Amino acid sequence: MKIDQVEIRKMHHRNAKETERAAAHKAAQTVKGRRLEALKALSSLAGGGTSDEIARSAGLSILSIRPRLTELQEMQLIVDSMARRTNSYGNSEIVWAITPEGKKHVR
């Protein structure tokens, strides 16, 4: 899957009504932009960043960033750096790193 592709099927229930499918199509446009924003925010953080740090850098809600990070990882544009940092709640978080392929999207 490419950074600008969205699997609509994953964004609604299997037997979704017309209104739910329409909402998924509308939200898909936002998802594409959020992926790129998350990737750009991560690229601006020296040494990688946690989901919390990426959300803060992008000026977005953690709730809109975390799913995008999963998608970016599936696309192999970011990877788990194997480092961990403590977030504001005292929990350990993955420090994400951008891959060489991911860097191509933020030029």
PDB file of N, CA and C in Angstrom:
ATOM      1  N   MET A   1       0.847  -1.182   0.000  1.00  0.00           N
ATOM      2  CA  MET A   1       0.000   0.000   0.000  1.00  0.00           C
ATOM      3  C   MET A   1       0.892   1.245   0.000  1.00  0.00           C
ATOM      4  N   LYS A   2       0.490   2.237  -0.754  1.00  0.00           N
ATOM      5  CA  LYS A   2       1.229   3.495  -0.831  1.00  0.00           C
ATOM      6  C   LYS A   2       0.686   4.472   0.204  1.00  0.00           C
ATOM      7  N   ILE A   3       1.467   5.488   0.495  1.00  0.00           N
ATOM      8  CA  ILE A   3       1.098   6.456   1.531  1.00  0.00           C
ATOM      9  C   ILE A   3      -0.216   7.168   1.213  1.00  0.00           C
ATOM     10  N   ASP A   4      -0.543   7.296  -0.068  1.00  0.00           N
ATOM     11  CA  ASP A   4      -1.774   7.996  -0.440  1.00  0.00           C
ATOM     12  C   ASP A   4      -2.933   7.041  -0.756  1.00  0.00           C
ATOM     13  N   GLN A   5      -2.771   5.763  -0.433  1.00  0.00           N
ATOM     14  CA  GLN A   5      -3.857   4.803  -0.628  1.00  0.00           C
ATOM     15  C   GLN A   5      -4.501   4.487   0.712  1.00  0.00           C
ATOM     16  N   VAL A   6      -5.812   4.348   0.698  1.00  0.00           N
ATOM     17  CA  VAL A   6      -6.555   4.010   1.906  1.00  0.00           C
ATOM     18  C   VAL A   6      -7.462   2.835   1.582  1.00  0.00           C
ATOM     19  N   GLU A   7      -7.436   1.827   2.447  1.00  0.00           N
ATOM     20  CA  GLU A   7      -8.318   0.683   2.274  1.00  0.00           C
ATOM     21  C   GLU A   7      -9.657   0.998   2.926  1.00  0.00           C
ATOM     22  N   ILE A   8     -10.594   1.429   2.116  1.00  0.00           N
ATOM     23  CA  ILE A   8     -11.918   1.832   2.609  1.00  0.00           C
ATOM     24  C   ILE A   8     -12.583   0.689   3.369  1.00  0.00           C
ATOM     25  N   ARG A   9     -12.375  -0.541   2.919  1.00  0.00           N
ATOM     26  CA  ARG A   9     -12.999  -1.698   3.578  1.00  0.00           C
ATOM     27  C   ARG A   9     -12.647  -1.764   5.058  1.00  0.00           C
ATOM     28  N   LYS A  10     -11.459  -1.322   5.421  1.00  0.00           N
ATOM     29  CA  LYS A  10     -11.028  -1.353   6.815  1.00  0.00           C
ATOM     30  C   LYS A  10     -11.641  -0.217   7.634  1.00  0.00           C
ATOM     31  N   MET A  11     -12.277   0.715   6.952  1.00  0.00           N
ATOM     32  CA  MET A  11     -12.793   1.899   7.639  1.00  0.00           C
ATOM     33  C   MET A  11     -14.292   1.827   7.938  1.00  0.00           C
ATOM     34  N   HIS A  12     -14.922   0.724   7.564  1.00  0.00           N
ATOM     35  CA  HIS A  12     -16.338   0.568   7.906  1.00  0.00           C
ATOM     36  C   HIS A  12     -16.642  -0.906   8.130  1.00  0.00           C
ATOM     37  N   HIS A  13     -17.810  -1.171   8.716  1.00  0.00           N
ATOM     38  CA  HIS A  13     -18.215  -2.548   8.990  1.00  0.00           C
ATOM     39  C   HIS A  13     -18.494  -3.304   7.686  1.00  0.00           C
ATOM     40  N   ARG A  14     -18.473  -4.607   7.778  1.00  0.00           N
ATOM     41  CA  ARG A  14     -18.672  -5.446   6.591  1.00  0.00           C
ATOM     42  C   ARG A  14     -20.000  -5.168   5.895  1.00  0.00           C
ATOM     43  N   ASN A  15     -21.067  -5.063   6.646  1.00  0.00           N
ATOM     44  CA  ASN A  15     -22.400  -4.820   6.079  1.00  0.00           C
ATOM     45  C   ASN A  15     -22.854  -3.388   6.362  1.00  0.00           C
ATOM     46  N   ALA A  16     -21.964  -2.465   6.156  1.00  0.00           N
ATOM     47  CA  ALA A  16     -22.231  -1.068   6.488  1.00  0.00           C
ATOM     48  C   ALA A  16     -23.346  -0.479   5.626  1.00  0.00           C
ATOM     49  N   LYS A  17     -24.091   0.409   6.264  1.00  0.00           N
ATOM     50  CA  LYS A  17     -25.124   1.143   5.534  1.00  0.00           C
ATOM     51  C   LYS A  17     -24.465   2.220   4.695  1.00  0.00           C
ATOM     52  N   GLU A  18     -25.240   2.773   3.798  1.00  0.00           N
ATOM     53  CA  GLU A  18     -24.746   3.791   2.866  1.00  0.00           C
ATOM     54  C   GLU A  18     -24.094   4.971   3.587  1.00  0.00           C
ATOM     55  N   THR A  19     -24.690   5.408   4.685  1.00  0.00           N
ATOM     56  CA  THR A  19     -24.159   6.573   5.395  1.00  0.00           C
ATOM     57  C   THR A  19     -22.789   6.273   6.000  1.00  0.00           C
ATOM     58  N   GLU A  20     -22.603   5.060   6.509  1.00  0.00           N
ATOM     59  CA  GLU A  20     -21.314   4.688   7.092  1.00  0.00           C
ATOM     60  C   GLU A  20     -20.243   4.592   6.007  1.00  0.00           C
ATOM     61  N   ARG A  21     -20.601   4.042   4.863  1.00  0.00           N
ATOM     62  CA  ARG A  21     -19.647   3.950   3.755  1.00  0.00           C
ATOM     63  C   ARG A  21     -19.275   5.345   3.254  1.00  0.00           C
ATOM     64  N   ALA A  22     -20.264   6.232   3.182  1.00  0.00           N
ATOM     65  CA  ALA A  22     -20.001   7.603   2.735  1.00  0.00           C
ATOM     66  C   ALA A  22     -19.059   8.314   3.712  1.00  0.00           C
ATOM     67  N   ALA A  23     -19.271   8.098   5.002  1.00  0.00           N
ATOM     68  CA  ALA A  23     -18.401   8.711   6.012  1.00  0.00           C
ATOM     69  C   ALA A  23     -16.978   8.182   5.888  1.00  0.00           C
ATOM     70  N   ALA A  24     -16.831   6.899   5.601  1.00  0.00           N
ATOM     71  CA  ALA A  24     -15.502   6.301   5.432  1.00  0.00           C
ATOM     72  C   ALA A  24     -14.776   6.920   4.244  1.00  0.00           C
ATOM     73  N   HIS A  25     -15.491   7.134   3.161  1.00  0.00           N
ATOM     74  CA  HIS A  25     -14.875   7.754   1.977  1.00  0.00           C
ATOM     75  C   HIS A  25     -14.433   9.185   2.281  1.00  0.00           C
ATOM     76  N   LYS A  26     -15.242   9.902   3.039  1.00  0.00           N
ATOM     77  CA  LYS A  26     -14.897  11.276   3.398  1.00  0.00           C
ATOM     78  C   LYS A  26     -13.678  11.298   4.328  1.00  0.00           C
ATOM     79  N   ALA A  27     -13.651  10.401   5.299  1.00  0.00           N
ATOM     80  CA  ALA A  27     -12.542  10.345   6.253  1.00  0.00           C
ATOM     81  C   ALA A  27     -11.245   9.909   5.585  1.00  0.00           C
ATOM     82  N   ALA A  28     -11.335   9.147   4.523  1.00  0.00           N
ATOM     83  CA  ALA A  28     -10.143   8.644   3.826  1.00  0.00           C
ATOM     84  C   ALA A  28      -9.243   9.790   3.371  1.00  0.00           C
ATOM     85  N   GLN A  29      -9.814  10.888   2.967  1.00  0.00           N
ATOM     86  CA  GLN A  29      -9.021  12.034   2.528  1.00  0.00           C
ATOM     87  C   GLN A  29      -8.200  12.603   3.678  1.00  0.00           C
ATOM     88  N   THR A  30      -8.773  12.620   4.874  1.00  0.00           N
ATOM     89  CA  THR A  30      -8.063  13.109   6.049  1.00  0.00           C
ATOM     90  C   THR A  30      -6.933  12.166   6.422  1.00  0.00           C
ATOM     91  N   VAL A  31      -7.193  10.858   6.316  1.00  0.00           N
ATOM     92  CA  VAL A  31      -6.191   9.852   6.667  1.00  0.00           C
ATOM     93  C   VAL A  31      -4.930  10.038   5.845  1.00  0.00           C
ATOM     94  N   LYS A  32      -5.073  10.259   4.564  1.00  0.00           N
ATOM     95  CA  LYS A  32      -3.907  10.449   3.685  1.00  0.00           C
ATOM     96  C   LYS A  32      -3.048  11.607   4.178  1.00  0.00           C
ATOM     97  N   GLY A  33      -3.686  12.713   4.487  1.00  0.00           N
ATOM     98  CA  GLY A  33      -2.959  13.897   4.958  1.00  0.00           C
ATOM     99  C   GLY A  33      -2.316  13.677   6.317  1.00  0.00           C
ATOM    100  N   ARG A  34      -3.014  12.988   7.201  1.00  0.00           N
ATOM    101  CA  ARG A  34      -2.488  12.731   8.549  1.00  0.00           C
ATOM    102  C   ARG A  34      -1.250  11.838   8.502  1.00  0.00           C
ATOM    103  N   ARG A  35      -1.234  10.878   7.593  1.00  0.00           N
ATOM    104  CA  ARG A  35      -0.055  10.016   7.457  1.00  0.00           C
ATOM    105  C   ARG A  35       1.171  10.861   7.128  1.00  0.00           C
ATOM    106  N   LEU A  36       1.010  11.732   6.160  1.00  0.00           N
ATOM    107  CA  LEU A  36       2.128  12.571   5.742  1.00  0.00           C
ATOM    108  C   LEU A  36       2.534  13.531   6.854  1.00  0.00           C
ATOM    109  N   GLU A  37       1.562  14.082   7.556  1.00  0.00           N
ATOM    110  CA  GLU A  37       1.869  14.982   8.675  1.00  0.00           C
ATOM    111  C   GLU A  37       2.646  14.239   9.762  1.00  0.00           C
ATOM    112  N   ALA A  38       2.236  13.011  10.064  1.00  0.00           N
ATOM    113  CA  ALA A  38       2.931  12.207  11.078  1.00  0.00           C
ATOM    114  C   ALA A  38       4.355  11.914  10.629  1.00  0.00           C
ATOM    115  N   LEU A  39       4.514  11.565   9.375  1.00  0.00           N
ATOM    116  CA  LEU A  39       5.838  11.256   8.838  1.00  0.00           C
ATOM    117  C   LEU A  39       6.744  12.487   8.871  1.00  0.00           C
ATOM    118  N   LYS A  40       6.209  13.638   8.490  1.00  0.00           N
ATOM    119  CA  LYS A  40       6.993  14.881   8.517  1.00  0.00           C
ATOM    120  C   LYS A  40       7.372  15.260   9.952  1.00  0.00           C
ATOM    121  N   ALA A  41       6.418  15.089  10.874  1.00  0.00           N
ATOM    122  CA  ALA A  41       6.692  15.411  12.279  1.00  0.00           C
ATOM    123  C   ALA A  41       7.794  14.504  12.818  1.00  0.00           C
ATOM    124  N   LEU A  42       7.730  13.208  12.507  1.00  0.00           N
ATOM    125  CA  LEU A  42       8.765  12.280  12.951  1.00  0.00           C
ATOM    126  C   LEU A  42      10.123  12.659  12.360  1.00  0.00           C
ATOM    127  N   SER A  43      10.139  13.044  11.106  1.00  0.00           N
ATOM    128  CA  SER A  43      11.415  13.388  10.461  1.00  0.00           C
ATOM    129  C   SER A  43      12.046  14.632  11.093  1.00  0.00           C
ATOM    130  N   SER A  44      11.241  15.460  11.720  1.00  0.00           N
ATOM    131  CA  SER A  44      11.762  16.674  12.350  1.00  0.00           C
ATOM    132  C   SER A  44      12.322  16.431  13.747  1.00  0.00           C
ATOM    133  N   LEU A  45      12.094  15.227  14.280  1.00  0.00           N
ATOM    134  CA  LEU A  45      12.549  14.903  15.633  1.00  0.00           C
ATOM    135  C   LEU A  45      13.886  14.155  15.571  1.00  0.00           C
ATOM    136  N   ALA A  46      14.937  14.811  16.007  1.00  0.00           N
ATOM    137  CA  ALA A  46      16.259  14.171  16.007  1.00  0.00           C
ATOM    138  C   ALA A  46      16.231  12.964  16.936  1.00  0.00           C
ATOM    139  N   GLY A  47      16.695  11.840  16.439  1.00  0.00           N
ATOM    140  CA  GLY A  47      16.736  10.639  17.267  1.00  0.00           C
ATOM    141  C   GLY A  47      15.420   9.901  17.346  1.00  0.00           C
ATOM    142  N   GLY A  48      14.473  10.227  16.462  1.00  0.00           N
ATOM    143  CA  GLY A  48      13.168   9.556  16.460  1.00  0.00           C
ATOM    144  C   GLY A  48      12.223  10.173  17.466  1.00  0.00           C
ATOM    145  N   GLY A  49      11.043   9.576  17.583  1.00  0.00           N
ATOM    146  CA  GLY A  49      10.059  10.138  18.492  1.00  0.00           C
ATOM    147  C   GLY A  49       8.996   9.130  18.891  1.00  0.00           C
ATOM    148  N   THR A  50       8.433   9.350  20.055  1.00  0.00           N
ATOM    149  CA  THR A  50       7.315   8.538  20.526  1.00  0.00           C
ATOM    150  C   THR A  50       6.036   9.056  19.879  1.00  0.00           C
ATOM    151  N   SER A  51       4.976   8.306  19.984  1.00  0.00           N
ATOM    152  CA  SER A  51       3.705   8.771  19.413  1.00  0.00           C
ATOM    153  C   SER A  51       3.285  10.089  20.057  1.00  0.00           C
ATOM    154  N   ASP A  52       3.533  10.222  21.347  1.00  0.00           N
ATOM    155  CA  ASP A  52       3.231  11.449  22.074  1.00  0.00           C
ATOM    156  C   ASP A  52       4.019  12.628  21.502  1.00  0.00           C
ATOM    157  N   GLU A  53       5.311  12.431  21.288  1.00  0.00           N
ATOM    158  CA  GLU A  53       6.178  13.479  20.756  1.00  0.00           C
ATOM    159  C   GLU A  53       5.823  13.826  19.314  1.00  0.00           C
ATOM    160  N   ILE A  54       5.481  12.814  18.525  1.00  0.00           N
ATOM    161  CA  ILE A  54       5.101  13.043  17.133  1.00  0.00           C
ATOM    162  C   ILE A  54       3.808  13.848  17.065  1.00  0.00           C
ATOM    163  N   ALA A  55       2.838  13.488  17.900  1.00  0.00           N
ATOM    164  CA  ALA A  55       1.564  14.219  17.934  1.00  0.00           C
ATOM    165  C   ALA A  55       1.796  15.676  18.318  1.00  0.00           C
ATOM    166  N   ARG A  56       2.620  15.890  19.328  1.00  0.00           N
ATOM    167  CA  ARG A  56       2.923  17.255  19.767  1.00  0.00           C
ATOM    168  C   ARG A  56       3.617  18.047  18.667  1.00  0.00           C
ATOM    169  N   SER A  57       4.587  17.423  18.006  1.00  0.00           N
ATOM    170  CA  SER A  57       5.322  18.089  16.934  1.00  0.00           C
ATOM    171  C   SER A  57       4.407  18.454  15.764  1.00  0.00           C
ATOM    172  N   ALA A  58       3.443  17.568  15.471  1.00  0.00           N
ATOM    173  CA  ALA A  58       2.508  17.805  14.367  1.00  0.00           C
ATOM    174  C   ALA A  58       1.367  18.723  14.772  1.00  0.00           C
ATOM    175  N   GLY A  59       1.199  18.954  16.073  1.00  0.00           N
ATOM    176  CA  GLY A  59       0.088  19.767  16.552  1.00  0.00           C
ATOM    177  C   GLY A  59      -1.247  19.057  16.402  1.00  0.00           C
ATOM    178  N   LEU A  60      -1.222  17.732  16.530  1.00  0.00           N
ATOM    179  CA  LEU A  60      -2.425  16.924  16.342  1.00  0.00           C
ATOM    180  C   LEU A  60      -2.704  16.073  17.578  1.00  0.00           C
ATOM    181  N   SER A  61      -3.897  15.560  17.646  1.00  0.00           N
ATOM    182  CA  SER A  61      -4.294  14.678  18.741  1.00  0.00           C
ATOM    183  C   SER A  61      -3.575  13.347  18.638  1.00  0.00           C
ATOM    184  N   ILE A  62      -3.194  12.805  19.780  1.00  0.00           N
ATOM    185  CA  ILE A  62      -2.582  11.478  19.814  1.00  0.00           C
ATOM    186  C   ILE A  62      -3.523  10.448  19.197  1.00  0.00           C
ATOM    187  N   LEU A  63      -4.828  10.686  19.313  1.00  0.00           N
ATOM    188  CA  LEU A  63      -5.822   9.744  18.773  1.00  0.00           C
ATOM    189  C   LEU A  63      -5.828   9.722  17.249  1.00  0.00           C
ATOM    190  N   SER A  64      -5.387  10.788  16.623  1.00  0.00           N
ATOM    191  CA  SER A  64      -5.307  10.790  15.157  1.00  0.00           C
ATOM    192  C   SER A  64      -3.943  10.329  14.666  1.00  0.00           C
ATOM    193  N   ILE A  65      -2.945  10.360  15.548  1.00  0.00           N
ATOM    194  CA  ILE A  65      -1.588   9.981  15.166  1.00  0.00           C
ATOM    195  C   ILE A  65      -1.323   8.484  15.331  1.00  0.00           C
ATOM    196  N   ARG A  66      -1.747   7.901  16.428  1.00  0.00           N
ATOM    197  CA  ARG A  66      -1.409   6.485  16.684  1.00  0.00           C
ATOM    198  C   ARG A  66      -1.834   5.547  15.554  1.00  0.00           C
ATOM    199  N   PRO A  67      -3.061   5.644  15.034  1.00  0.00           N
ATOM    200  CA  PRO A  67      -3.418   4.740  13.925  1.00  0.00           C
ATOM    201  C   PRO A  67      -2.571   4.979  12.685  1.00  0.00           C
ATOM    202  N   ARG A  68      -2.178   6.227  12.456  1.00  0.00           N
ATOM    203  CA  ARG A  68      -1.353   6.534  11.289  1.00  0.00           C
ATOM    204  C   ARG A  68       0.038   5.914  11.436  1.00  0.00           C
ATOM    205  N   LEU A  69       0.559   5.864  12.662  1.00  0.00           N
ATOM    206  CA  LEU A  69       1.867   5.259  12.887  1.00  0.00           C
ATOM    207  C   LEU A  69       1.823   3.769  12.586  1.00  0.00           C
ATOM    208  N   THR A  70       0.741   3.116  12.964  1.00  0.00           N
ATOM    209  CA  THR A  70       0.579   1.694  12.640  1.00  0.00           C
ATOM    210  C   THR A  70       0.575   1.499  11.135  1.00  0.00           C
ATOM    211  N   GLU A  71      -0.145   2.360  10.423  1.00  0.00           N
ATOM    212  CA  GLU A  71      -0.196   2.268   8.962  1.00  0.00           C
ATOM    213  C   GLU A  71       1.184   2.521   8.346  1.00  0.00           C
ATOM    214  N   LEU A  72       1.875   3.520   8.859  1.00  0.00           N
ATOM    215  CA  LEU A  72       3.205   3.837   8.332  1.00  0.00           C
ATOM    216  C   LEU A  72       4.185   2.696   8.593  1.00  0.00           C
ATOM    217  N   GLN A  73       4.028   2.031   9.724  1.00  0.00           N
ATOM    218  CA  GLN A  73       4.876   0.878  10.022  1.00  0.00           C
ATOM    219  C   GLN A  73       4.570  -0.263   9.047  1.00  0.00           C
ATOM    220  N   GLU A  74       3.291  -0.509   8.784  1.00  0.00           N
ATOM    221  CA  GLU A  74       2.903  -1.552   7.836  1.00  0.00           C
ATOM    222  C   GLU A  74       3.438  -1.258   6.435  1.00  0.00           C
ATOM    223  N   MET A  75       3.577   0.006   6.092  1.00  0.00           N
ATOM    224  CA  MET A  75       4.109   0.414   4.791  1.00  0.00           C
ATOM    225  C   MET A  75       5.633   0.441   4.781  1.00  0.00           C
ATOM    226  N   GLN A  76       6.238   0.136   5.923  1.00  0.00           N
ATOM    227  CA  GLN A  76       7.687   0.127   6.091  1.00  0.00           C
ATOM    228  C   GLN A  76       8.311   1.503   5.880  1.00  0.00           C
ATOM    229  N   LEU A  77       7.564   2.534   6.271  1.00  0.00           N
ATOM    230  CA  LEU A  77       8.073   3.898   6.193  1.00  0.00           C
ATOM    231  C   LEU A  77       8.642   4.352   7.531  1.00  0.00           C
ATOM    232  N   ILE A  78       8.248   3.652   8.612  1.00  0.00           N
ATOM    233  CA  ILE A  78       8.819   3.877   9.935  1.00  0.00           C
ATOM    234  C   ILE A  78       9.069   2.509  10.572  1.00  0.00           C
ATOM    235  N   VAL A  79       9.972   2.487  11.546  1.00  0.00           N
ATOM    236  CA  VAL A  79      10.285   1.249  12.260  1.00  0.00           C
ATOM    237  C   VAL A  79      10.431   1.529  13.749  1.00  0.00           C
ATOM    238  N   ASP A  80      10.233   0.478  14.529  1.00  0.00           N
ATOM    239  CA  ASP A  80      10.487   0.516  15.966  1.00  0.00           C
ATOM    240  C   ASP A  80      12.000   0.567  16.125  1.00  0.00           C
ATOM    241  N   SER A  81      12.512   1.614  16.737  1.00  0.00           N
ATOM    242  CA  SER A  81      13.963   1.784  16.896  1.00  0.00           C
ATOM    243  C   SER A  81      14.528   0.881  17.993  1.00  0.00           C
ATOM    244  N   MET A  82      13.643   0.198  18.707  1.00  0.00           N
ATOM    245  CA  MET A  82      13.981  -0.661  19.838  1.00  0.00           C
ATOM    246  C   MET A  82      14.334   0.155  21.083  1.00  0.00           C
ATOM    247  N   ALA A  83      14.266   1.463  20.990  1.00  0.00           N
ATOM    248  CA  ALA A  83      14.453   2.337  22.153  1.00  0.00           C
ATOM    249  C   ALA A  83      13.077   2.621  22.747  1.00  0.00           C
ATOM    250  N   ARG A  84      13.057   2.979  24.013  1.00  0.00           N
ATOM    251  CA  ARG A  84      11.812   3.321  24.695  1.00  0.00           C
ATOM    252  C   ARG A  84      12.030   4.594  25.498  1.00  0.00           C
ATOM    253  N   ARG A  85      10.959   5.407  25.587  1.00  0.00           N
ATOM    254  CA  ARG A  85      10.998   6.604  26.430  1.00  0.00           C
ATOM    255  C   ARG A  85       9.711   6.640  27.238  1.00  0.00           C
ATOM    256  N   THR A  86       9.798   7.260  28.380  1.00  0.00           N
ATOM    257  CA  THR A  86       8.638   7.395  29.258  1.00  0.00           C
ATOM    258  C   THR A  86       7.813   8.595  28.821  1.00  0.00           C
ATOM    259  N   ASN A  87       6.496   8.381  28.719  1.00  0.00           N
ATOM    260  CA  ASN A  87       5.616   9.483  28.323  1.00  0.00           C
ATOM    261  C   ASN A  87       5.140  10.255  29.548  1.00  0.00           C
ATOM    262  N   SER A  88       4.288  11.224  29.347  1.00  0.00           N
ATOM    263  CA  SER A  88       3.816  12.090  30.432  1.00  0.00           C
ATOM    264  C   SER A  88       2.979  11.350  31.478  1.00  0.00           C
ATOM    265  N   TYR A  89       2.529  10.136  31.147  1.00  0.00           N
ATOM    266  CA  TYR A  89       1.758   9.326  32.091  1.00  0.00           C
ATOM    267  C   TYR A  89       2.628   8.304  32.810  1.00  0.00           C
ATOM    268  N   GLY A  90       3.936   8.337  32.533  1.00  0.00           N
ATOM    269  CA  GLY A  90       4.853   7.410  33.174  1.00  0.00           C
ATOM    270  C   GLY A  90       4.935   6.053  32.494  1.00  0.00           C
ATOM    271  N   ASN A  91       4.312   5.940  31.319  1.00  0.00           N
ATOM    272  CA  ASN A  91       4.346   4.681  30.573  1.00  0.00           C
ATOM    273  C   ASN A  91       5.479   4.679  29.561  1.00  0.00           C
ATOM    274  N   SER A  92       6.003   3.498  29.289  1.00  0.00           N
ATOM    275  CA  SER A  92       7.057   3.337  28.308  1.00  0.00           C
ATOM    276  C   SER A  92       6.453   3.325  26.911  1.00  0.00           C
ATOM    277  N   GLU A  93       7.041   4.085  26.015  1.00  0.00           N
ATOM    278  CA  GLU A  93       6.550   4.164  24.632  1.00  0.00           C
ATOM    279  C   GLU A  93       7.652   3.816  23.650  1.00  0.00           C
ATOM    280  N   ILE A  94       7.245   3.261  22.514  1.00  0.00           N
ATOM    281  CA  ILE A  94       8.164   2.984  21.412  1.00  0.00           C
ATOM    282  C   ILE A  94       8.710   4.306  20.875  1.00  0.00           C
ATOM    283  N   VAL A  95       9.993   4.313  20.566  1.00  0.00           N
ATOM    284  CA  VAL A  95      10.590   5.441  19.858  1.00  0.00           C
ATOM    285  C   VAL A  95      10.661   5.016  18.394  1.00  0.00           C
ATOM    286  N   TRP A  96       9.912   5.711  17.551  1.00  0.00           N
ATOM    287  CA  TRP A  96       9.844   5.394  16.132  1.00  0.00           C
ATOM    288  C   TRP A  96      10.969   6.078  15.375  1.00  0.00           C
ATOM    289  N   ALA A  97      11.442   5.410  14.334  1.00  0.00           N
ATOM    290  CA  ALA A  97      12.477   5.973  13.457  1.00  0.00           C
ATOM    291  C   ALA A  97      11.966   5.910  12.025  1.00  0.00           C
ATOM    292  N   ILE A  98      12.306   6.901  11.254  1.00  0.00           N
ATOM    293  CA  ILE A  98      11.892   6.941   9.856  1.00  0.00           C
ATOM    294  C   ILE A  98      12.880   6.113   9.018  1.00  0.00           C
ATOM    295  N   THR A  99      12.381   5.356   8.082  1.00  0.00           N
ATOM    296  CA  THR A  99      13.221   4.521   7.217  1.00  0.00           C
ATOM    297  C   THR A  99      13.714   5.344   6.020  1.00  0.00           C
ATOM    298  N   PRO A 100      14.714   4.830   5.307  1.00  0.00           N
ATOM    299  CA  PRO A 100      15.145   5.532   4.089  1.00  0.00           C
ATOM    300  C   PRO A 100      13.982   5.721   3.101  1.00  0.00           C
ATOM    301  N   GLU A 101      13.108   4.724   2.995  1.00  0.00           N
ATOM    302  CA  GLU A 101      11.943   4.851   2.108  1.00  0.00           C
ATOM    303  C   GLU A 101      11.004   5.951   2.622  1.00  0.00           C
ATOM    304  N   GLY A 102      10.825   6.036   3.932  1.00  0.00           N
ATOM    305  CA  GLY A 102       9.990   7.072   4.528  1.00  0.00           C
ATOM    306  C   GLY A 102      10.529   8.466   4.269  1.00  0.00           C
ATOM    307  N   LYS A 103      11.853   8.590   4.292  1.00  0.00           N
ATOM    308  CA  LYS A 103      12.496   9.888   4.047  1.00  0.00           C
ATOM    309  C   LYS A 103      12.188  10.419   2.648  1.00  0.00           C
ATOM    310  N   LYS A 104      11.948   9.531   1.707  1.00  0.00           N
ATOM    311  CA  LYS A 104      11.633   9.945   0.347  1.00  0.00           C
ATOM    312  C   LYS A 104      10.322  10.721   0.265  1.00  0.00           C
ATOM    313  N   HIS A 105       9.447  10.511   1.233  1.00  0.00           N
ATOM    314  CA  HIS A 105       8.130  11.144   1.214  1.00  0.00           C
ATOM    315  C   HIS A 105       8.107  12.511   1.886  1.00  0.00           C
ATOM    316  N   VAL A 106       9.188  12.870   2.561  1.00  0.00           N
ATOM    317  CA  VAL A 106       9.185  14.146   3.294  1.00  0.00           C
ATOM    318  C   VAL A 106      10.114  15.192   2.689  1.00  0.00           C
ATOM    319  N   ARG A 107      10.580  14.974   1.525  1.00  0.00           N
ATOM    320  CA  ARG A 107      11.475  15.935   0.875  1.00  0.00           C
ATOM    321  C   ARG A 107      10.752  17.181   0.474  1.00  0.00           C
TER     322      ARG A 107
END
